[in-house]
């Protein structure tokens, strides 16, 4: 057993974070989680989404995309190459899902209002 993590040594080695990742790139995750939690708690407490909470939610989603793209591009996440490659591929998939979700929401919001035809 690994002394620090409670995982068996082989697993602890496979899932060991890169030191640069832990020191420099984890704190924005906490800020984004707090922001998303605050927006969703506000929407929940009011019982509906307002235009402000929708815009804030979209802003946080874009911030998550930016953070994940930076996480993919900035360097290693894990020390083991296969684990690192898998994590980056998973982050890329999550980015794709968020972008498709945002595009769908944007498309639905811009539905044109059709004027009624006036006879005569």
PDB file of N, CA and C in Angstrom:
ATOM      1  N   UNK A   1       0.835  -1.192   0.000  1.00  0.00           N
ATOM      2  CA  UNK A   1       0.000   0.000   0.000  1.00  0.00           C
ATOM      3  C   UNK A   1       0.875   1.249   0.000  1.00  0.00           C
ATOM      4  N   UNK A   2       0.433   2.248  -0.735  1.00  0.00           N
ATOM      5  CA  UNK A   2       1.111   3.537  -0.702  1.00  0.00           C
ATOM      6  C   UNK A   2       0.793   4.221   0.608  1.00  0.00           C
ATOM      7  N   UNK A   3       1.776   4.850   1.175  1.00  0.00           N
ATOM      8  CA  UNK A   3       1.600   5.462   2.490  1.00  0.00           C
ATOM      9  C   UNK A   3       0.659   6.667   2.443  1.00  0.00           C
ATOM     10  N   UNK A   4       0.748   7.495   1.409  1.00  0.00           N
ATOM     11  CA  UNK A   4      -0.006   8.752   1.381  1.00  0.00           C
ATOM     12  C   UNK A   4      -1.428   8.608   0.860  1.00  0.00           C
ATOM     13  N   UNK A   5      -1.612   7.916  -0.222  1.00  0.00           N
ATOM     14  CA  UNK A   5      -2.909   7.940  -0.893  1.00  0.00           C
ATOM     15  C   UNK A   5      -3.859   6.838  -0.468  1.00  0.00           C
ATOM     16  N   UNK A   6      -3.369   5.785   0.132  1.00  0.00           N
ATOM     17  CA  UNK A   6      -4.222   4.665   0.470  1.00  0.00           C
ATOM     18  C   UNK A   6      -4.428   3.718  -0.697  1.00  0.00           C
ATOM     19  N   UNK A   7      -3.892   4.055  -1.862  1.00  0.00           N
ATOM     20  CA  UNK A   7      -3.983   3.189  -3.034  1.00  0.00           C
ATOM     21  C   UNK A   7      -2.811   2.221  -3.045  1.00  0.00           C
ATOM     22  N   UNK A   8      -2.982   1.062  -3.642  1.00  0.00           N
ATOM     23  CA  UNK A   8      -1.825   0.189  -3.839  1.00  0.00           C
ATOM     24  C   UNK A   8      -0.761   0.929  -4.655  1.00  0.00           C
ATOM     25  N   UNK A   9       0.483   0.608  -4.432  1.00  0.00           N
ATOM     26  CA  UNK A   9       1.602   1.323  -5.059  1.00  0.00           C
ATOM     27  C   UNK A   9       1.474   1.423  -6.579  1.00  0.00           C
ATOM     28  N   UNK A  10       1.132   0.341  -7.294  1.00  0.00           N
ATOM     29  CA  UNK A  10       1.022   0.486  -8.759  1.00  0.00           C
ATOM     30  C   UNK A  10      -0.039   1.521  -9.167  1.00  0.00           C
ATOM     31  N   UNK A  11      -1.178   1.526  -8.489  1.00  0.00           N
ATOM     32  CA  UNK A  11      -2.211   2.511  -8.818  1.00  0.00           C
ATOM     33  C   UNK A  11      -1.785   3.912  -8.439  1.00  0.00           C
ATOM     34  N   UNK A  12      -1.124   4.052  -7.313  1.00  0.00           N
ATOM     35  CA  UNK A  12      -0.642   5.374  -6.901  1.00  0.00           C
ATOM     36  C   UNK A  12       0.342   5.923  -7.927  1.00  0.00           C
ATOM     37  N   UNK A  13       1.155   5.069  -8.529  1.00  0.00           N
ATOM     38  CA  UNK A  13       2.097   5.520  -9.550  1.00  0.00           C
ATOM     39  C   UNK A  13       1.369   5.898 -10.839  1.00  0.00           C
ATOM     40  N   UNK A  14       0.365   5.138 -11.201  1.00  0.00           N
ATOM     41  CA  UNK A  14      -0.388   5.408 -12.423  1.00  0.00           C
ATOM     42  C   UNK A  14      -1.172   6.720 -12.309  1.00  0.00           C
ATOM     43  N   UNK A  15      -1.737   6.990 -11.125  1.00  0.00           N
ATOM     44  CA  UNK A  15      -2.564   8.179 -10.942  1.00  0.00           C
ATOM     45  C   UNK A  15      -1.849   9.301 -10.198  1.00  0.00           C
ATOM     46  N   UNK A  16      -0.527   9.302 -10.203  1.00  0.00           N
ATOM     47  CA  UNK A  16       0.235  10.376  -9.560  1.00  0.00           C
ATOM     48  C   UNK A  16       0.156  11.632 -10.420  1.00  0.00           C
ATOM     49  N   UNK A  17      -0.300  12.730  -9.824  1.00  0.00           N
ATOM     50  CA  UNK A  17      -0.406  13.997 -10.546  1.00  0.00           C
ATOM     51  C   UNK A  17       0.968  14.580 -10.812  1.00  0.00           C
ATOM     52  N   UNK A  18       1.066  15.313 -11.895  1.00  0.00           N
ATOM     53  CA  UNK A  18       2.264  16.070 -12.185  1.00  0.00           C
ATOM     54  C   UNK A  18       2.340  17.221 -11.186  1.00  0.00           C
ATOM     55  N   UNK A  19       3.514  17.497 -10.651  1.00  0.00           N
ATOM     56  CA  UNK A  19       3.637  18.525  -9.612  1.00  0.00           C
ATOM     57  C   UNK A  19       3.255  19.910 -10.127  1.00  0.00           C
ATOM     58  N   UNK A  20       3.590  20.218 -11.371  1.00  0.00           N
ATOM     59  CA  UNK A  20       3.205  21.514 -11.936  1.00  0.00           C
ATOM     60  C   UNK A  20       1.701  21.673 -12.051  1.00  0.00           C
ATOM     61  N   UNK A  21       1.021  20.594 -12.336  1.00  0.00           N
ATOM     62  CA  UNK A  21      -0.437  20.639 -12.434  1.00  0.00           C
ATOM     63  C   UNK A  21      -1.050  20.984 -11.084  1.00  0.00           C
ATOM     64  N   UNK A  22      -0.620  20.295 -10.039  1.00  0.00           N
ATOM     65  CA  UNK A  22      -1.196  20.535  -8.720  1.00  0.00           C
ATOM     66  C   UNK A  22      -0.891  21.930  -8.203  1.00  0.00           C
ATOM     67  N   UNK A  23       0.294  22.432  -8.458  1.00  0.00           N
ATOM     68  CA  UNK A  23       0.688  23.728  -7.915  1.00  0.00           C
ATOM     69  C   UNK A  23       0.105  24.905  -8.676  1.00  0.00           C
ATOM     70  N   UNK A  24      -0.060  24.774  -9.973  1.00  0.00           N
ATOM     71  CA  UNK A  24      -0.410  25.940 -10.777  1.00  0.00           C
ATOM     72  C   UNK A  24      -1.788  25.895 -11.420  1.00  0.00           C
ATOM     73  N   UNK A  25      -2.347  24.718 -11.649  1.00  0.00           N
ATOM     74  CA  UNK A  25      -3.554  24.661 -12.476  1.00  0.00           C
ATOM     75  C   UNK A  25      -4.775  24.101 -11.778  1.00  0.00           C
ATOM     76  N   UNK A  26      -4.740  23.897 -10.473  1.00  0.00           N
ATOM     77  CA  UNK A  26      -5.926  23.362  -9.804  1.00  0.00           C
ATOM     78  C   UNK A  26      -6.781  24.433  -9.143  1.00  0.00           C
ATOM     79  N   UNK A  27      -6.196  25.566  -8.748  1.00  0.00           N
ATOM     80  CA  UNK A  27      -6.988  26.561  -8.032  1.00  0.00           C
ATOM     81  C   UNK A  27      -8.119  27.165  -8.873  1.00  0.00           C
ATOM     82  N   UNK A  28      -7.984  27.356 -10.205  1.00  0.00           N
ATOM     83  CA  UNK A  28      -9.130  27.881 -10.964  1.00  0.00           C
ATOM     84  C   UNK A  28     -10.338  26.941 -10.945  1.00  0.00           C
ATOM     85  N   UNK A  29     -10.082  25.650 -10.803  1.00  0.00           N
ATOM     86  CA  UNK A  29     -11.188  24.681 -10.744  1.00  0.00           C
ATOM     87  C   UNK A  29     -12.076  24.988  -9.539  1.00  0.00           C
ATOM     88  N   UNK A  30     -11.471  25.263  -8.416  1.00  0.00           N
ATOM     89  CA  UNK A  30     -12.242  25.583  -7.208  1.00  0.00           C
ATOM     90  C   UNK A  30     -13.066  26.851  -7.398  1.00  0.00           C
ATOM     91  N   UNK A  31     -12.479  27.867  -8.023  1.00  0.00           N
ATOM     92  CA  UNK A  31     -13.209  29.110  -8.262  1.00  0.00           C
ATOM     93  C   UNK A  31     -14.407  28.887  -9.194  1.00  0.00           C
ATOM     94  N   UNK A  32     -14.190  28.103 -10.250  1.00  0.00           N
ATOM     95  CA  UNK A  32     -15.288  27.838 -11.175  1.00  0.00           C
ATOM     96  C   UNK A  32     -16.385  27.012 -10.518  1.00  0.00           C
ATOM     97  N   UNK A  33     -16.003  26.017  -9.711  1.00  0.00           N
ATOM     98  CA  UNK A  33     -17.022  25.233  -9.007  1.00  0.00           C
ATOM     99  C   UNK A  33     -17.846  26.122  -8.081  1.00  0.00           C
ATOM    100  N   UNK A  34     -17.195  27.012  -7.364  1.00  0.00           N
ATOM    101  CA  UNK A  34     -17.928  27.913  -6.472  1.00  0.00           C
ATOM    102  C   UNK A  34     -18.868  28.820  -7.261  1.00  0.00           C
ATOM    103  N   UNK A  35     -18.397  29.337  -8.377  1.00  0.00           N
ATOM    104  CA  UNK A  35     -19.246  30.206  -9.201  1.00  0.00           C
ATOM    105  C   UNK A  35     -20.453  29.480  -9.758  1.00  0.00           C
ATOM    106  N   UNK A  36     -20.238  28.294 -10.284  1.00  0.00           N
ATOM    107  CA  UNK A  36     -21.346  27.498 -10.829  1.00  0.00           C
ATOM    108  C   UNK A  36     -22.331  27.142  -9.717  1.00  0.00           C
ATOM    109  N   UNK A  37     -21.801  26.767  -8.562  1.00  0.00           N
ATOM    110  CA  UNK A  37     -22.664  26.436  -7.430  1.00  0.00           C
ATOM    111  C   UNK A  37     -23.510  27.645  -7.025  1.00  0.00           C
ATOM    112  N   UNK A  38     -22.917  28.826  -6.980  1.00  0.00           N
ATOM    113  CA  UNK A  38     -23.649  30.031  -6.599  1.00  0.00           C
ATOM    114  C   UNK A  38     -24.760  30.353  -7.599  1.00  0.00           C
ATOM    115  N   UNK A  39     -24.459  30.229  -8.896  1.00  0.00           N
ATOM    116  CA  UNK A  39     -25.469  30.507  -9.925  1.00  0.00           C
ATOM    117  C   UNK A  39     -26.613  29.502  -9.839  1.00  0.00           C
ATOM    118  N   UNK A  40     -26.278  28.236  -9.703  1.00  0.00           N
ATOM    119  CA  UNK A  40     -27.329  27.202  -9.643  1.00  0.00           C
ATOM    120  C   UNK A  40     -28.133  27.300  -8.355  1.00  0.00           C
ATOM    121  N   UNK A  41     -27.479  27.639  -7.254  1.00  0.00           N
ATOM    122  CA  UNK A  41     -28.207  27.819  -5.994  1.00  0.00           C
ATOM    123  C   UNK A  41     -29.158  29.003  -6.094  1.00  0.00           C
ATOM    124  N   UNK A  42     -28.729  30.056  -6.761  1.00  0.00           N
ATOM    125  CA  UNK A  42     -29.603  31.218  -6.965  1.00  0.00           C
ATOM    126  C   UNK A  42     -30.805  30.840  -7.812  1.00  0.00           C
ATOM    127  N   UNK A  43     -30.582  30.141  -8.906  1.00  0.00           N
ATOM    128  CA  UNK A  43     -31.690  29.712  -9.772  1.00  0.00           C
ATOM    129  C   UNK A  43     -32.632  28.785  -9.013  1.00  0.00           C
ATOM    130  N   UNK A  44     -32.070  27.912  -8.207  1.00  0.00           N
ATOM    131  CA  UNK A  44     -32.888  26.973  -7.428  1.00  0.00           C
ATOM    132  C   UNK A  44     -33.717  27.706  -6.376  1.00  0.00           C
ATOM    133  N   UNK A  45     -33.107  28.648  -5.695  1.00  0.00           N
ATOM    134  CA  UNK A  45     -33.825  29.356  -4.623  1.00  0.00           C
ATOM    135  C   UNK A  45     -34.942  30.232  -5.176  1.00  0.00           C
ATOM    136  N   UNK A  46     -34.751  30.754  -6.390  1.00  0.00           N
ATOM    137  CA  UNK A  46     -35.798  31.582  -7.005  1.00  0.00           C
ATOM    138  C   UNK A  46     -36.830  30.741  -7.750  1.00  0.00           C
ATOM    139  N   UNK A  47     -36.486  29.492  -7.997  1.00  0.00           N
ATOM    140  CA  UNK A  47     -37.421  28.609  -8.669  1.00  0.00           C
ATOM    141  C   UNK A  47     -37.437  28.741 -10.177  1.00  0.00           C
ATOM    142  N   UNK A  48     -36.548  29.556 -10.720  1.00  0.00           N
ATOM    143  CA  UNK A  48     -36.486  29.720 -12.173  1.00  0.00           C
ATOM    144  C   UNK A  48     -35.158  30.350 -12.558  1.00  0.00           C
ATOM    145  N   UNK A  49     -34.851  30.233 -13.831  1.00  0.00           N
ATOM    146  CA  UNK A  49     -33.657  30.878 -14.370  1.00  0.00           C
ATOM    147  C   UNK A  49     -34.040  32.257 -14.864  1.00  0.00           C
ATOM    148  N   UNK A  50     -33.262  33.275 -14.514  1.00  0.00           N
ATOM    149  CA  UNK A  50     -33.453  34.618 -15.044  1.00  0.00           C
ATOM    150  C   UNK A  50     -32.477  34.814 -16.198  1.00  0.00           C
ATOM    151  N   UNK A  51     -32.618  35.916 -16.913  1.00  0.00           N
ATOM    152  CA  UNK A  51     -31.670  36.159 -18.006  1.00  0.00           C
ATOM    153  C   UNK A  51     -30.251  36.331 -17.453  1.00  0.00           C
ATOM    154  N   UNK A  52     -30.126  36.916 -16.267  1.00  0.00           N
ATOM    155  CA  UNK A  52     -28.805  37.076 -15.664  1.00  0.00           C
ATOM    156  C   UNK A  52     -28.189  35.726 -15.295  1.00  0.00           C
ATOM    157  N   UNK A  53     -28.964  34.845 -14.666  1.00  0.00           N
ATOM    158  CA  UNK A  53     -28.406  33.549 -14.282  1.00  0.00           C
ATOM    159  C   UNK A  53     -28.082  32.710 -15.518  1.00  0.00           C
ATOM    160  N   UNK A  54     -28.872  32.848 -16.585  1.00  0.00           N
ATOM    161  CA  UNK A  54     -28.551  32.136 -17.831  1.00  0.00           C
ATOM    162  C   UNK A  54     -27.240  32.638 -18.428  1.00  0.00           C
ATOM    163  N   UNK A  55     -27.061  33.965 -18.437  1.00  0.00           N
ATOM    164  CA  UNK A  55     -25.809  34.525 -18.973  1.00  0.00           C
ATOM    165  C   UNK A  55     -24.614  34.121 -18.117  1.00  0.00           C
ATOM    166  N   UNK A  56     -24.784  34.155 -16.789  1.00  0.00           N
ATOM    167  CA  UNK A  56     -23.697  33.737 -15.902  1.00  0.00           C
ATOM    168  C   UNK A  56     -23.374  32.256 -16.105  1.00  0.00           C
ATOM    169  N   UNK A  57     -24.402  31.440 -16.258  1.00  0.00           N
ATOM    170  CA  UNK A  57     -24.189  30.007 -16.488  1.00  0.00           C
ATOM    171  C   UNK A  57     -23.428  29.776 -17.799  1.00  0.00           C
ATOM    172  N   UNK A  58     -23.789  30.521 -18.839  1.00  0.00           N
ATOM    173  CA  UNK A  58     -23.077  30.432 -20.112  1.00  0.00           C
ATOM    174  C   UNK A  58     -21.630  30.898 -19.951  1.00  0.00           C
ATOM    175  N   UNK A  59     -21.435  31.972 -19.208  1.00  0.00           N
ATOM    176  CA  UNK A  59     -20.085  32.468 -18.963  1.00  0.00           C
ATOM    177  C   UNK A  59     -19.225  31.449 -18.236  1.00  0.00           C
ATOM    178  N   UNK A  60     -19.801  30.790 -17.234  1.00  0.00           N
ATOM    179  CA  UNK A  60     -19.054  29.761 -16.516  1.00  0.00           C
ATOM    180  C   UNK A  60     -18.770  28.552 -17.404  1.00  0.00           C
ATOM    181  N   UNK A  61     -19.705  28.212 -18.274  1.00  0.00           N
ATOM    182  CA  UNK A  61     -19.466  27.098 -19.205  1.00  0.00           C
ATOM    183  C   UNK A  61     -18.313  27.433 -20.148  1.00  0.00           C
ATOM    184  N   UNK A  62     -18.276  28.665 -20.641  1.00  0.00           N
ATOM    185  CA  UNK A  62     -17.169  29.083 -21.503  1.00  0.00           C
ATOM    186  C   UNK A  62     -15.849  29.097 -20.735  1.00  0.00           C
ATOM    187  N   UNK A  63     -15.910  29.502 -19.468  1.00  0.00           N
ATOM    188  CA  UNK A  63     -14.699  29.489 -18.640  1.00  0.00           C
ATOM    189  C   UNK A  63     -14.204  28.066 -18.432  1.00  0.00           C
ATOM    190  N   UNK A  64     -15.131  27.106 -18.239  1.00  0.00           N
ATOM    191  CA  UNK A  64     -14.740  25.699 -18.111  1.00  0.00           C
ATOM    192  C   UNK A  64     -14.066  25.212 -19.383  1.00  0.00           C
ATOM    193  N   UNK A  65     -14.629  25.589 -20.535  1.00  0.00           N
ATOM    194  CA  UNK A  65     -14.022  25.189 -21.811  1.00  0.00           C
ATOM    195  C   UNK A  65     -12.606  25.754 -21.899  1.00  0.00           C
ATOM    196  N   UNK A  66     -12.446  27.030 -21.586  1.00  0.00           N
ATOM    197  CA  UNK A  66     -11.122  27.653 -21.648  1.00  0.00           C
ATOM    198  C   UNK A  66     -10.148  26.967 -20.686  1.00  0.00           C
ATOM    199  N   UNK A  67     -10.610  26.674 -19.485  1.00  0.00           N
ATOM    200  CA  UNK A  67      -9.751  26.025 -18.498  1.00  0.00           C
ATOM    201  C   UNK A  67      -9.329  24.635 -18.955  1.00  0.00           C
ATOM    202  N   UNK A  68     -10.271  23.879 -19.516  1.00  0.00           N
ATOM    203  CA  UNK A  68      -9.940  22.527 -19.968  1.00  0.00           C
ATOM    204  C   UNK A  68      -9.008  22.545 -21.180  1.00  0.00           C
ATOM    205  N   UNK A  69      -9.227  23.477 -22.103  1.00  0.00           N
ATOM    206  CA  UNK A  69      -8.328  23.588 -23.256  1.00  0.00           C
ATOM    207  C   UNK A  69      -6.931  23.976 -22.786  1.00  0.00           C
ATOM    208  N   UNK A  70      -6.847  24.906 -21.835  1.00  0.00           N
ATOM    209  CA  UNK A  70      -5.533  25.265 -21.271  1.00  0.00           C
ATOM    210  C   UNK A  70      -4.917  24.075 -20.551  1.00  0.00           C
ATOM    211  N   UNK A  71      -5.737  23.306 -19.851  1.00  0.00           N
ATOM    212  CA  UNK A  71      -5.230  22.120 -19.163  1.00  0.00           C
ATOM    213  C   UNK A  71      -4.678  21.093 -20.123  1.00  0.00           C
ATOM    214  N   UNK A  72      -5.293  20.974 -21.276  1.00  0.00           N
ATOM    215  CA  UNK A  72      -4.807  20.046 -22.295  1.00  0.00           C
ATOM    216  C   UNK A  72      -3.502  20.556 -22.900  1.00  0.00           C
ATOM    217  N   UNK A  73      -3.441  21.862 -23.160  1.00  0.00           N
ATOM    218  CA  UNK A  73      -2.295  22.426 -23.864  1.00  0.00           C
ATOM    219  C   UNK A  73      -1.106  22.768 -22.958  1.00  0.00           C
ATOM    220  N   UNK A  74      -1.358  23.023 -21.682  1.00  0.00           N
ATOM    221  CA  UNK A  74      -0.315  23.582 -20.809  1.00  0.00           C
ATOM    222  C   UNK A  74       0.748  22.591 -20.365  1.00  0.00           C
ATOM    223  N   UNK A  75       0.483  21.339 -20.447  1.00  0.00           N
ATOM    224  CA  UNK A  75       1.480  20.375 -20.001  1.00  0.00           C
ATOM    225  C   UNK A  75       0.818  19.138 -19.435  1.00  0.00           C
ATOM    226  N   UNK A  76       1.599  18.385 -18.716  1.00  0.00           N
ATOM    227  CA  UNK A  76       1.106  17.118 -18.189  1.00  0.00           C
ATOM    228  C   UNK A  76       0.161  17.311 -17.008  1.00  0.00           C
ATOM    229  N   UNK A  77      -0.806  16.403 -16.915  1.00  0.00           N
ATOM    230  CA  UNK A  77      -1.718  16.348 -15.777  1.00  0.00           C
ATOM    231  C   UNK A  77      -1.252  15.246 -14.836  1.00  0.00           C
ATOM    232  N   UNK A  78      -0.931  14.091 -15.411  1.00  0.00           N
ATOM    233  CA  UNK A  78      -0.433  12.949 -14.639  1.00  0.00           C
ATOM    234  C   UNK A  78       1.007  12.662 -15.044  1.00  0.00           C
ATOM    235  N   UNK A  79       1.734  11.977 -14.179  1.00  0.00           N
ATOM    236  CA  UNK A  79       3.123  11.624 -14.463  1.00  0.00           C
ATOM    237  C   UNK A  79       3.225  10.485 -15.478  1.00  0.00           C
ATOM    238  N   UNK A  80       2.323   9.520 -15.404  1.00  0.00           N
ATOM    239  CA  UNK A  80       2.349   8.387 -16.326  1.00  0.00           C
ATOM    240  C   UNK A  80       1.764   8.807 -17.677  1.00  0.00           C
ATOM    241  N   UNK A  81       2.486   8.537 -18.757  1.00  0.00           N
ATOM    242  CA  UNK A  81       2.054   8.971 -20.085  1.00  0.00           C
ATOM    243  C   UNK A  81       0.700   8.397 -20.508  1.00  0.00           C
ATOM    244  N   UNK A  82       0.435   7.090 -20.328  1.00  0.00           N
ATOM    245  CA  UNK A  82      -0.882   6.576 -20.741  1.00  0.00           C
ATOM    246  C   UNK A  82      -2.033   7.235 -19.964  1.00  0.00           C
ATOM    247  N   UNK A  83      -1.847   7.441 -18.680  1.00  0.00           N
ATOM    248  CA  UNK A  83      -2.881   8.086 -17.874  1.00  0.00           C
ATOM    249  C   UNK A  83      -3.063   9.528 -18.315  1.00  0.00           C
ATOM    250  N   UNK A  84      -1.956  10.210 -18.571  1.00  0.00           N
ATOM    251  CA  UNK A  84      -2.002  11.591 -19.022  1.00  0.00           C
ATOM    252  C   UNK A  84      -2.718  11.704 -20.364  1.00  0.00           C
ATOM    253  N   UNK A  85      -2.389  10.818 -21.297  1.00  0.00           N
ATOM    254  CA  UNK A  85      -3.037  10.840 -22.615  1.00  0.00           C
ATOM    255  C   UNK A  85      -4.535  10.560 -22.503  1.00  0.00           C
ATOM    256  N   UNK A  86      -4.904   9.616 -21.652  1.00  0.00           N
ATOM    257  CA  UNK A  86      -6.324   9.314 -21.449  1.00  0.00           C
ATOM    258  C   UNK A  86      -7.076  10.468 -20.823  1.00  0.00           C
ATOM    259  N   UNK A  87      -6.455  11.130 -19.866  1.00  0.00           N
ATOM    260  CA  UNK A  87      -7.093  12.277 -19.214  1.00  0.00           C
ATOM    261  C   UNK A  87      -7.292  13.418 -20.206  1.00  0.00           C
ATOM    262  N   UNK A  88      -6.295  13.654 -21.031  1.00  0.00           N
ATOM    263  CA  UNK A  88      -6.416  14.729 -22.022  1.00  0.00           C
ATOM    264  C   UNK A  88      -7.489  14.401 -23.068  1.00  0.00           C
ATOM    265  N   UNK A  89      -7.584  13.150 -23.464  1.00  0.00           N
ATOM    266  CA  UNK A  89      -8.635  12.752 -24.405  1.00  0.00           C
ATOM    267  C   UNK A  89     -10.014  12.920 -23.772  1.00  0.00           C
ATOM    268  N   UNK A  90     -10.139  12.552 -22.506  1.00  0.00           N
ATOM    269  CA  UNK A  90     -11.423  12.710 -21.805  1.00  0.00           C
ATOM    270  C   UNK A  90     -11.789  14.184 -21.685  1.00  0.00           C
ATOM    271  N   UNK A  91     -10.818  15.037 -21.370  1.00  0.00           N
ATOM    272  CA  UNK A  91     -11.083  16.473 -21.301  1.00  0.00           C
ATOM    273  C   UNK A  91     -11.508  17.016 -22.660  1.00  0.00           C
ATOM    274  N   UNK A  92     -10.875  16.533 -23.721  1.00  0.00           N
ATOM    275  CA  UNK A  92     -11.266  16.957 -25.064  1.00  0.00           C
ATOM    276  C   UNK A  92     -12.704  16.577 -25.384  1.00  0.00           C
ATOM    277  N   UNK A  93     -13.115  15.394 -24.957  1.00  0.00           N
ATOM    278  CA  UNK A  93     -14.497  14.961 -25.165  1.00  0.00           C
ATOM    279  C   UNK A  93     -15.473  15.827 -24.370  1.00  0.00           C
ATOM    280  N   UNK A  94     -15.114  16.152 -23.142  1.00  0.00           N
ATOM    281  CA  UNK A  94     -15.966  17.016 -22.316  1.00  0.00           C
ATOM    282  C   UNK A  94     -16.079  18.408 -22.948  1.00  0.00           C
ATOM    283  N   UNK A  95     -14.982  18.931 -23.463  1.00  0.00           N
ATOM    284  CA  UNK A  95     -15.008  20.230 -24.147  1.00  0.00           C
ATOM    285  C   UNK A  95     -15.964  20.169 -25.336  1.00  0.00           C
ATOM    286  N   UNK A  96     -15.881  19.112 -26.116  1.00  0.00           N
ATOM    287  CA  UNK A  96     -16.769  18.956 -27.269  1.00  0.00           C
ATOM    288  C   UNK A  96     -18.235  18.929 -26.836  1.00  0.00           C
ATOM    289  N   UNK A  97     -18.543  18.201 -25.783  1.00  0.00           N
ATOM    290  CA  UNK A  97     -19.926  18.116 -25.290  1.00  0.00           C
ATOM    291  C   UNK A  97     -20.416  19.481 -24.831  1.00  0.00           C
ATOM    292  N   UNK A  98     -19.590  20.223 -24.109  1.00  0.00           N
ATOM    293  CA  UNK A  98     -20.001  21.546 -23.630  1.00  0.00           C
ATOM    294  C   UNK A  98     -20.215  22.495 -24.802  1.00  0.00           C
ATOM    295  N   UNK A  99     -19.328  22.460 -25.793  1.00  0.00           N
ATOM    296  CA  UNK A  99     -19.466  23.346 -26.955  1.00  0.00           C
ATOM    297  C   UNK A  99     -20.735  23.021 -27.738  1.00  0.00           C
ATOM    298  N   UNK A 100     -21.039  21.754 -27.932  1.00  0.00           N
ATOM    299  CA  UNK A 100     -22.279  21.363 -28.625  1.00  0.00           C
ATOM    300  C   UNK A 100     -23.494  21.821 -27.814  1.00  0.00           C
ATOM    301  N   UNK A 101     -23.454  21.659 -26.498  1.00  0.00           N
ATOM    302  CA  UNK A 101     -24.551  22.104 -25.639  1.00  0.00           C
ATOM    303  C   UNK A 101     -24.752  23.618 -25.748  1.00  0.00           C
ATOM    304  N   UNK A 102     -23.663  24.385 -25.690  1.00  0.00           N
ATOM    305  CA  UNK A 102     -23.771  25.840 -25.801  1.00  0.00           C
ATOM    306  C   UNK A 102     -24.290  26.261 -27.175  1.00  0.00           C
ATOM    307  N   UNK A 103     -23.830  25.597 -28.226  1.00  0.00           N
ATOM    308  CA  UNK A 103     -24.298  25.924 -29.577  1.00  0.00           C
ATOM    309  C   UNK A 103     -25.789  25.631 -29.720  1.00  0.00           C
ATOM    310  N   UNK A 104     -26.236  24.534 -29.152  1.00  0.00           N
ATOM    311  CA  UNK A 104     -27.656  24.185 -29.207  1.00  0.00           C
ATOM    312  C   UNK A 104     -28.494  25.216 -28.453  1.00  0.00           C
ATOM    313  N   UNK A 105     -28.039  25.600 -27.277  1.00  0.00           N
ATOM    314  CA  UNK A 105     -28.767  26.614 -26.501  1.00  0.00           C
ATOM    315  C   UNK A 105     -28.803  27.944 -27.232  1.00  0.00           C
ATOM    316  N   UNK A 106     -27.677  28.323 -27.840  1.00  0.00           N
ATOM    317  CA  UNK A 106     -27.624  29.584 -28.569  1.00  0.00           C
ATOM    318  C   UNK A 106     -28.566  29.554 -29.762  1.00  0.00           C
ATOM    319  N   UNK A 107     -28.596  28.448 -30.485  1.00  0.00           N
ATOM    320  CA  UNK A 107     -29.467  28.317 -31.652  1.00  0.00           C
ATOM    321  C   UNK A 107     -30.940  28.402 -31.243  1.00  0.00           C
ATOM    322  N   UNK A 108     -31.290  27.752 -30.148  1.00  0.00           N
ATOM    323  CA  UNK A 108     -32.683  27.771 -29.693  1.00  0.00           C
ATOM    324  C   UNK A 108     -33.112  29.149 -29.204  1.00  0.00           C
ATOM    325  N   UNK A 109     -32.174  29.900 -28.642  1.00  0.00           N
ATOM    326  CA  UNK A 109     -32.519  31.226 -28.129  1.00  0.00           C
ATOM    327  C   UNK A 109     -32.762  32.234 -29.232  1.00  0.00           C
ATOM    328  N   UNK A 110     -32.160  32.055 -30.360  1.00  0.00           N
ATOM    329  CA  UNK A 110     -32.284  33.050 -31.424  1.00  0.00           C
ATOM    330  C   UNK A 110     -33.388  32.717 -32.418  1.00  0.00           C
ATOM    331  N   UNK A 111     -34.363  31.955 -32.002  1.00  0.00           N
ATOM    332  CA  UNK A 111     -35.491  31.621 -32.863  1.00  0.00           C
ATOM    333  C   UNK A 111     -36.206  32.914 -33.246  1.00  0.00           C
ATOM    334  N   UNK A 112     -36.371  33.165 -34.536  1.00  0.00           N
ATOM    335  CA  UNK A 112     -36.992  34.426 -34.951  1.00  0.00           C
ATOM    336  C   UNK A 112     -38.490  34.462 -34.633  1.00  0.00           C
ATOM    337  N   UNK A 113     -38.957  35.655 -34.323  1.00  0.00           N
ATOM    338  CA  UNK A 113     -40.391  35.855 -34.091  1.00  0.00           C
ATOM    339  C   UNK A 113     -41.018  36.176 -35.448  1.00  0.00           C
ATOM    340  N   UNK A 114     -41.995  35.410 -35.802  1.00  0.00           N
ATOM    341  CA  UNK A 114     -42.634  35.605 -37.106  1.00  0.00           C
ATOM    342  C   UNK A 114     -43.855  36.510 -36.946  1.00  0.00           C
ATOM    343  N   UNK A 115     -43.902  37.490 -37.811  1.00  0.00           N
ATOM    344  CA  UNK A 115     -45.031  38.407 -37.790  1.00  0.00           C
ATOM    345  C   UNK A 115     -46.252  37.745 -38.424  1.00  0.00           C
ATOM    346  N   UNK A 116     -47.415  38.007 -37.870  1.00  0.00           N
ATOM    347  CA  UNK A 116     -48.617  37.426 -38.463  1.00  0.00           C
ATOM    348  C   UNK A 116     -48.906  38.068 -39.822  1.00  0.00           C
ATOM    349  N   UNK A 117     -49.489  37.288 -40.722  1.00  0.00           N
ATOM    350  CA  UNK A 117     -49.876  37.812 -42.026  1.00  0.00           C
ATOM    351  C   UNK A 117     -51.187  38.559 -41.882  1.00  0.00           C
ATOM    352  N   UNK A 118     -51.205  39.723 -42.437  1.00  0.00           N
ATOM    353  CA  UNK A 118     -52.426  40.536 -42.366  1.00  0.00           C
ATOM    354  C   UNK A 118     -53.155  40.421 -43.699  1.00  0.00           C
ATOM    355  N   UNK A 119     -54.417  40.030 -43.621  1.00  0.00           N
ATOM    356  CA  UNK A 119     -55.211  39.847 -44.833  1.00  0.00           C
ATOM    357  C   UNK A 119     -55.626  41.215 -45.370  1.00  0.00           C
ATOM    358  N   UNK A 120     -55.599  41.340 -46.632  1.00  0.00           N
ATOM    359  CA  UNK A 120     -56.143  42.550 -47.187  1.00  0.00           C
ATOM    360  C   UNK A 120     -55.394  43.112 -48.241  1.00  0.00           C
TER     361      UNK A 120
END
